[in-house]
C-alpha atoms as a PDB file:
ATOM      1  CA  MET A   1     164.079  95.684  98.660  1.00  0.00           C
ATOM      2  CA  LYS A   2     162.543  98.596 100.544  1.00  0.00           C
ATOM      3  CA  PRO A   3     163.846 102.160  99.946  1.00  0.00           C
ATOM      4  CA  ASN A   4     165.578 102.312 103.325  1.00  0.00           C
ATOM      5  CA  GLU A   5     167.224  98.934 102.680  1.00  0.00           C
ATOM      6  CA  LEU A   6     168.644 100.209  99.409  1.00  0.00           C
ATOM      7  CA  LEU A   7     170.149 103.241 101.129  1.00  0.00           C
ATOM      8  CA  ASP A   8     171.526 101.127 103.973  1.00  0.00           C
ATOM      9  CA  THR A   9     173.234  98.902 101.410  1.00  0.00           C
ATOM     10  CA  LEU A  10     174.781 101.843  99.565  1.00  0.00           C
ATOM     11  CA  ARG A  11     175.952 103.403 102.819  1.00  0.00           C
ATOM     12  CA  TRP A  12     177.494 100.072 103.823  1.00  0.00           C
ATOM     13  CA  ARG A  13     179.614  99.750 100.680  1.00  0.00           C
ATOM     14  CA  TYR A  14     182.922 101.558 100.333  1.00  0.00           C
ATOM     15  CA  ALA A  15     186.071 101.257  98.252  1.00  0.00           C
ATOM     16  CA  THR A  16     187.594  98.383 100.191  1.00  0.00           C
ATOM     17  CA  LYS A  17     191.273  98.951 100.918  1.00  0.00           C
ATOM     18  CA  ALA A  18     192.000  95.598 102.576  1.00  0.00           C
ATOM     19  CA  PHE A  19     190.399  92.259 101.746  1.00  0.00           C
ATOM     20  CA  ASP A  20     190.497  89.159 103.890  1.00  0.00           C
ATOM     21  CA  PRO A  21     192.444  86.740 101.657  1.00  0.00           C
ATOM     22  CA  ASN A  22     190.943  83.748 103.485  1.00  0.00           C
ATOM     23  CA  LYS A  23     187.344  84.602 102.611  1.00  0.00           C
ATOM     24  CA  LYS A  24     186.138  83.572  99.173  1.00  0.00           C
ATOM     25  CA  ILE A  25     182.882  84.467  97.474  1.00  0.00           C
ATOM     26  CA  PRO A  26     180.560  81.416  97.372  1.00  0.00           C
ATOM     27  CA  ALA A  27     179.862  79.989  93.927  1.00  0.00           C
ATOM     28  CA  ASP A  28     176.149  80.798  93.954  1.00  0.00           C
ATOM     29  CA  VAL A  29     176.783  84.399  94.983  1.00  0.00           C
ATOM     30  CA  TRP A  30     179.450  84.793  92.328  1.00  0.00           C
ATOM     31  CA  SER A  31     177.153  83.336  89.685  1.00  0.00           C
ATOM     32  CA  SER A  32     174.599  86.047  90.442  1.00  0.00           C
ATOM     33  CA  ILE A  33     177.265  88.752  90.249  1.00  0.00           C
ATOM     34  CA  GLU A  34     178.363  87.466  86.846  1.00  0.00           C
ATOM     35  CA  GLU A  35     174.772  87.460  85.662  1.00  0.00           C
ATOM     36  CA  SER A  36     174.414  91.070  86.807  1.00  0.00           C
ATOM     37  CA  LEU A  37     177.280  91.937  84.462  1.00  0.00           C
ATOM     38  CA  VAL A  38     175.521  90.185  81.606  1.00  0.00           C
ATOM     39  CA  LEU A  39     172.370  92.188  82.367  1.00  0.00           C
ATOM     40  CA  THR A  40     174.156  95.561  82.228  1.00  0.00           C
ATOM     41  CA  PRO A  41     172.465  98.070  79.888  1.00  0.00           C
ATOM     42  CA  SER A  42     174.461  99.664  77.078  1.00  0.00           C
ATOM     43  CA  SER A  43     174.042 102.096  74.206  1.00  0.00           C
ATOM     44  CA  PHE A  44     171.909 100.446  71.487  1.00  0.00           C
ATOM     45  CA  GLY A  45     172.228  97.284  73.604  1.00  0.00           C
ATOM     46  CA  LEU A  46     175.485  96.512  71.771  1.00  0.00           C
ATOM     47  CA  GLN A  47     177.482  95.421  74.854  1.00  0.00           C
ATOM     48  CA  PRO A  48     180.943  96.438  73.540  1.00  0.00           C
ATOM     49  CA  TRP A  49     182.875  94.702  76.284  1.00  0.00           C
ATOM     50  CA  LYS A  50     184.271  91.548  77.786  1.00  0.00           C
ATOM     51  CA  PHE A  51     184.761  90.843  81.491  1.00  0.00           C
ATOM     52  CA  LEU A  52     187.774  88.786  82.542  1.00  0.00           C
ATOM     53  CA  ILE A  53     187.519  87.072  85.939  1.00  0.00           C
ATOM     54  CA  VAL A  54     190.941  86.481  87.449  1.00  0.00           C
ATOM     55  CA  THR A  55     191.278  84.057  90.365  1.00  0.00           C
ATOM     56  CA  ASN A  56     194.619  82.450  89.442  1.00  0.00           C
ATOM     57  CA  PRO A  57     197.151  83.550  92.119  1.00  0.00           C
ATOM     58  CA  GLU A  58     200.025  83.512  89.624  1.00  0.00           C
ATOM     59  CA  ILE A  59     198.231  85.850  87.229  1.00  0.00           C
ATOM     60  CA  LYS A  60     197.288  88.149  90.106  1.00  0.00           C
ATOM     61  CA  ALA A  61     200.949  88.279  91.142  1.00  0.00           C
ATOM     62  CA  LYS A  62     201.955  89.282  87.622  1.00  0.00           C
ATOM     63  CA  LEU A  63     199.357  92.038  87.595  1.00  0.00           C
ATOM     64  CA  LEU A  64     200.315  93.436  91.010  1.00  0.00           C
ATOM     65  CA  PRO A  65     203.338  95.556  89.934  1.00  0.00           C
ATOM     66  CA  HIS A  66     201.211  97.032  87.149  1.00  0.00           C
ATOM     67  CA  SER A  67     198.551  98.009  89.683  1.00  0.00           C
ATOM     68  CA  TRP A  68     200.649 100.386  91.774  1.00  0.00           C
ATOM     69  CA  ASN A  69     201.291  97.375  94.041  1.00  0.00           C
ATOM     70  CA  GLN A  70     197.836  97.710  95.546  1.00  0.00           C
ATOM     71  CA  GLN A  71     197.374  94.636  97.692  1.00  0.00           C
ATOM     72  CA  GLN A  72     193.687  94.300  96.852  1.00  0.00           C
ATOM     73  CA  ILE A  73     194.761  92.700  93.569  1.00  0.00           C
ATOM     74  CA  ILE A  74     196.291  89.794  95.483  1.00  0.00           C
ATOM     75  CA  ASP A  75     193.969  89.472  98.477  1.00  0.00           C
ATOM     76  CA  CYS A  76     190.591  89.729  96.748  1.00  0.00           C
ATOM     77  CA  SER A  77     188.498  86.664  96.031  1.00  0.00           C
ATOM     78  CA  HIS A  78     187.786  87.585  92.408  1.00  0.00           C
ATOM     79  CA  LEU A  79     189.423  90.260  90.267  1.00  0.00           C
ATOM     80  CA  VAL A  80     187.222  91.580  87.465  1.00  0.00           C
ATOM     81  CA  VAL A  81     189.035  93.177  84.539  1.00  0.00           C
ATOM     82  CA  LEU A  82     186.554  95.173  82.503  1.00  0.00           C
ATOM     83  CA  THR A  83     187.611  95.568  78.871  1.00  0.00           C
ATOM     84  CA  ALA A  84     186.193  97.658  76.041  1.00  0.00           C
ATOM     85  CA  GLN A  85     185.750  96.373  72.511  1.00  0.00           C
ATOM     86  CA  ALA A  86     186.811  98.672  69.694  1.00  0.00           C
ATOM     87  CA  PRO A  87     186.301  99.476  66.998  1.00  0.00           C
ATOM     88  CA  VAL A  88     182.764  98.206  66.657  1.00  0.00           C
ATOM     89  CA  THR A  89     182.325  97.188  63.026  1.00  0.00           C
ATOM     90  CA  GLY A  90     179.545  96.006  60.779  1.00  0.00           C
ATOM     91  CA  ASN A  91     180.276  92.448  61.857  1.00  0.00           C
ATOM     92  CA  GLU A  92     179.422  93.265  65.476  1.00  0.00           C
ATOM     93  CA  LEU A  93     176.248  95.035  64.384  1.00  0.00           C
ATOM     94  CA  ASP A  94     175.203  92.021  62.318  1.00  0.00           C
ATOM     95  CA  ASP A  95     175.940  89.693  65.228  1.00  0.00           C
ATOM     96  CA  PHE A  96     173.731  91.792  67.492  1.00  0.00           C
ATOM     97  CA  ILE A  97     170.897  91.806  64.978  1.00  0.00           C
ATOM     98  CA  ASP A  98     171.205  88.022  64.679  1.00  0.00           C
ATOM     99  CA  ARG A  99     171.082  87.675  68.449  1.00  0.00           C
ATOM    100  CA  THR A 100     168.064  89.977  68.687  1.00  0.00           C
ATOM    101  CA  HIS A 101     166.239  87.934  66.066  1.00  0.00           C
ATOM    102  CA  GLU A 102     167.178  84.704  67.835  1.00  0.00           C
ATOM    103  CA  ILE A 103     165.750  85.883  71.157  1.00  0.00           C
ATOM    104  CA  ARG A 104     162.753  87.931  70.052  1.00  0.00           C
ATOM    105  CA  GLY A 105     161.772  86.194  66.841  1.00  0.00           C
ATOM    106  CA  GLY A 106     159.621  87.948  64.267  1.00  0.00           C
ATOM    107  CA  GLU A 107     160.748  89.004  60.812  1.00  0.00           C
ATOM    108  CA  LYS A 108     164.455  89.727  60.611  1.00  0.00           C
ATOM    109  CA  ALA A 109     163.789  92.297  57.893  1.00  0.00           C
ATOM    110  CA  ASP A 110     161.966  94.385  60.472  1.00  0.00           C
ATOM    111  CA  LEU A 111     165.290  94.915  62.235  1.00  0.00           C
ATOM    112  CA  GLN A 112     166.995  96.465  59.226  1.00  0.00           C
ATOM    113  CA  PHE A 113     166.015  99.996  60.234  1.00  0.00           C
ATOM    114  CA  TYR A 114     167.693  99.520  63.614  1.00  0.00           C
ATOM    115  CA  ARG A 115     170.759  98.003  61.927  1.00  0.00           C
ATOM    116  CA  ASP A 116     171.005 101.022  59.625  1.00  0.00           C
ATOM    117  CA  MET A 117     170.630 103.442  62.512  1.00  0.00           C
ATOM    118  CA  MET A 118     173.465 101.778  64.443  1.00  0.00           C
ATOM    119  CA  GLY A 119     175.568 101.686  61.295  1.00  0.00           C
ATOM    120  CA  GLY A 120     175.119 105.415  60.813  1.00  0.00           C
ATOM    121  CA  PHE A 121     176.207 106.061  64.397  1.00  0.00           C
ATOM    122  CA  VAL A 122     179.339 103.947  64.046  1.00  0.00           C
ATOM    123  CA  ALA A 123     180.253 105.370  60.635  1.00  0.00           C
ATOM    124  CA  LYS A 124     180.449 108.901  62.002  1.00  0.00           C
ATOM    125  CA  MET A 125     183.214 108.084  64.503  1.00  0.00           C
ATOM    126  CA  SER A 126     186.916 107.318  64.226  1.00  0.00           C
ATOM    127  CA  ASP A 127     188.408 104.221  65.833  1.00  0.00           C
ATOM    128  CA  GLU A 128     189.641 106.395  68.688  1.00  0.00           C
ATOM    129  CA  GLN A 129     186.191 107.856  69.243  1.00  0.00           C
ATOM    130  CA  LEU A 130     184.649 104.392  69.166  1.00  0.00           C
ATOM    131  CA  LEU A 131     187.095 103.230  71.827  1.00  0.00           C
ATOM    132  CA  THR A 132     186.169 106.205  74.021  1.00  0.00           C
ATOM    133  CA  TRP A 133     182.487 105.394  73.510  1.00  0.00           C
ATOM    134  CA  ALA A 134     183.054 101.731  74.386  1.00  0.00           C
ATOM    135  CA  LYS A 135     184.996 102.657  77.524  1.00  0.00           C
ATOM    136  CA  ASN A 136     182.109 104.863  78.619  1.00  0.00           C
ATOM    137  CA  GLN A 137     179.833 101.834  78.297  1.00  0.00           C
ATOM    138  CA  VAL A 138     182.217  99.806  80.451  1.00  0.00           C
ATOM    139  CA  TYR A 139     181.781 102.263  83.313  1.00  0.00           C
ATOM    140  CA  ILE A 140     178.055 101.568  83.259  1.00  0.00           C
ATOM    141  CA  ALA A 141     178.947  97.919  83.827  1.00  0.00           C
ATOM    142  CA  LEU A 142     181.298  98.883  86.649  1.00  0.00           C
ATOM    143  CA  GLY A 143     178.503 100.724  88.437  1.00  0.00           C
ATOM    144  CA  GLN A 144     176.152  97.763  88.023  1.00  0.00           C
ATOM    145  CA  LEU A 145     178.855  95.409  89.302  1.00  0.00           C
ATOM    146  CA  MET A 146     179.522  97.395  92.474  1.00  0.00           C
ATOM    147  CA  THR A 147     175.845  97.904  93.278  1.00  0.00           C
ATOM    148  CA  SER A 148     174.987  94.254  92.670  1.00  0.00           C
ATOM    149  CA  ALA A 149     177.898  93.129  94.817  1.00  0.00           C
ATOM    150  CA  ALA A 150     176.846  95.429  97.657  1.00  0.00           C
ATOM    151  CA  ALA A 151     173.275  94.106  97.473  1.00  0.00           C
ATOM    152  CA  LEU A 152     174.721  90.625  98.068  1.00  0.00           C
ATOM    153  CA  GLY A 153     176.998  91.733 100.905  1.00  0.00           C
ATOM    154  CA  VAL A 154     180.160  91.534  98.809  1.00  0.00           C
ATOM    155  CA  ASP A 155     182.850  94.196  99.023  1.00  0.00           C
ATOM    156  CA  ALA A 156     184.449  95.822  96.003  1.00  0.00           C
ATOM    157  CA  CYS A 157     187.057  98.402  95.083  1.00  0.00           C
ATOM    158  CA  PRO A 158     187.014 100.063  91.645  1.00  0.00           C
ATOM    159  CA  MET A 159     190.575 100.796  90.516  1.00  0.00           C
ATOM    160  CA  GLU A 160     191.924 102.922  87.678  1.00  0.00           C
ATOM    161  CA  GLY A 161     195.427 102.879  89.162  1.00  0.00           C
ATOM    162  CA  ILE A 162     196.712 100.303  86.727  1.00  0.00           C
ATOM    163  CA  SER A 163     198.753 100.100  83.531  1.00  0.00           C
ATOM    164  CA  PRO A 164     196.182  99.006  80.933  1.00  0.00           C
ATOM    165  CA  THR A 165     198.797  98.178  78.296  1.00  0.00           C
ATOM    166  CA  ASP A 166     200.622  95.844  80.692  1.00  0.00           C
ATOM    167  CA  TYR A 167     197.333  94.231  81.659  1.00  0.00           C
ATOM    168  CA  ASP A 168     196.630  93.668  77.978  1.00  0.00           C
ATOM    169  CA  LYS A 169     199.985  91.918  77.568  1.00  0.00           C
ATOM    170  CA  ILE A 170     199.625  89.686  80.613  1.00  0.00           C
ATOM    171  CA  LEU A 171     196.028  88.752  79.811  1.00  0.00           C
ATOM    172  CA  ASP A 172     196.777  88.094  76.105  1.00  0.00           C
ATOM    173  CA  LEU A 173     194.463  90.849  74.916  1.00  0.00           C
ATOM    174  CA  GLU A 174     196.849  92.368  72.388  1.00  0.00           C
ATOM    175  CA  GLY A 175     195.342  92.115  68.927  1.00  0.00           C
ATOM    176  CA  SER A 176     192.041  90.804  70.299  1.00  0.00           C
ATOM    177  CA  GLY A 177     190.091  94.017  69.805  1.00  0.00           C
ATOM    178  CA  TYR A 178     189.557  94.334  73.566  1.00  0.00           C
ATOM    179  CA  PHE A 179     191.321  96.872  75.778  1.00  0.00           C
ATOM    180  CA  THR A 180     191.645  96.924  79.569  1.00  0.00           C
ATOM    181  CA  THR A 181     189.685  99.877  80.910  1.00  0.00           C
ATOM    182  CA  VAL A 182     189.248  99.510  84.670  1.00  0.00           C
ATOM    183  CA  VAL A 183     189.473  96.716  87.248  1.00  0.00           C
ATOM    184  CA  CYS A 184     187.460  95.840  90.311  1.00  0.00           C
ATOM    185  CA  PRO A 185     188.619  93.428  93.029  1.00  0.00           C
ATOM    186  CA  LEU A 186     185.776  91.798  94.963  1.00  0.00           C
ATOM    187  CA  GLY A 187     185.682  89.802  98.169  1.00  0.00           C
ATOM    188  CA  TYR A 188     185.162  90.461 101.856  1.00  0.00           C
ATOM    189  CA  ARG A 189     186.664  93.280 103.880  1.00  0.00           C
ATOM    190  CA  SER A 190     189.390  92.605 106.400  1.00  0.00           C
ATOM    191  CA  ASP A 191     188.634  93.306 110.046  1.00  0.00           C
ATOM    192  CA  ASP A 192     191.766  95.455 110.014  1.00  0.00           C
ATOM    193  CA  ASP A 193     190.571  97.838 107.292  1.00  0.00           C
ATOM    194  CA  LYS A 194     190.204 101.126 109.117  1.00  0.00           C
ATOM    195  CA  TYR A 195     188.395 102.666 106.168  1.00  0.00           C
ATOM    196  CA  ALA A 196     185.377 100.426 106.703  1.00  0.00           C
ATOM    197  CA  SER A 197     184.166 102.458 109.672  1.00  0.00           C
ATOM    198  CA  LEU A 198     184.857 105.927 108.309  1.00  0.00           C
ATOM    199  CA  PRO A 199     181.794 108.003 107.410  1.00  0.00           C
ATOM    200  CA  LYS A 200     181.286 108.750 103.733  1.00  0.00           C
ATOM    201  CA  VAL A 201     182.275 112.205 102.524  1.00  0.00           C
ATOM    202  CA  ARG A 202     179.535 113.395 100.197  1.00  0.00           C
ATOM    203  CA  TYR A 203     178.161 116.834  99.378  1.00  0.00           C
ATOM    204  CA  GLU A 204     174.671 117.703 100.542  1.00  0.00           C
ATOM    205  CA  LYS A 205     171.917 116.557  98.214  1.00  0.00           C
ATOM    206  CA  GLU A 206     170.993 120.155  97.466  1.00  0.00           C
ATOM    207  CA  GLN A 207     174.467 120.746  96.017  1.00  0.00           C
ATOM    208  CA  VAL A 208     174.419 117.898  93.529  1.00  0.00           C
ATOM    209  CA  ILE A 209     170.723 117.481  92.646  1.00  0.00           C
ATOM    210  CA  GLN A 210     168.683 120.172  90.944  1.00  0.00           C
ATOM    211  CA  HIS A 211     164.997 119.909  90.186  1.00  0.00           C
ATOM    212  CA  ILE A 212     163.838 121.711  87.064  1.00  0.00           C
END
């Protein structure tokens, strides 16, 4: 992708207010979007999250009243519910070390220093602080999701206007260690969405970027 193509893509995307319910994301495109979520970077590489993909119309209907009745929940092709895992415990750290050893090989003992460093980080925080940290990681995934979707010509709309506790109940997350953080409907914009043609409102580059 050339620099101008990147900027054209980012200028094309917007928080889609109306999806065309008759247009679905093709399977191969969706597979790439899912893989982009898997490839999201995170602190220590721990990936304290799970992404729920909702396409069942009945589940979407149940979620609608807990989403400020925003129609995107119903009309989108795929609804991504991004959840944060907390608290991260020694078990999760051990699992990550095992996975690292599985993929990279070498001597597992060489990873003990990294395991101890992560353990020290986790030990310093309360469960509440660990949840806040995990939620911050989830927003990295949200950014990757929206950018990847735009690169593939797929529309998206990040939404915090939801009731996370009700989402947790409907999606059977209670007691799972995962907590709804933010959602993002994806699909294709409706021809009737007036917001698609509105220019973006952004401050001048000089106001938000400082070179030191």
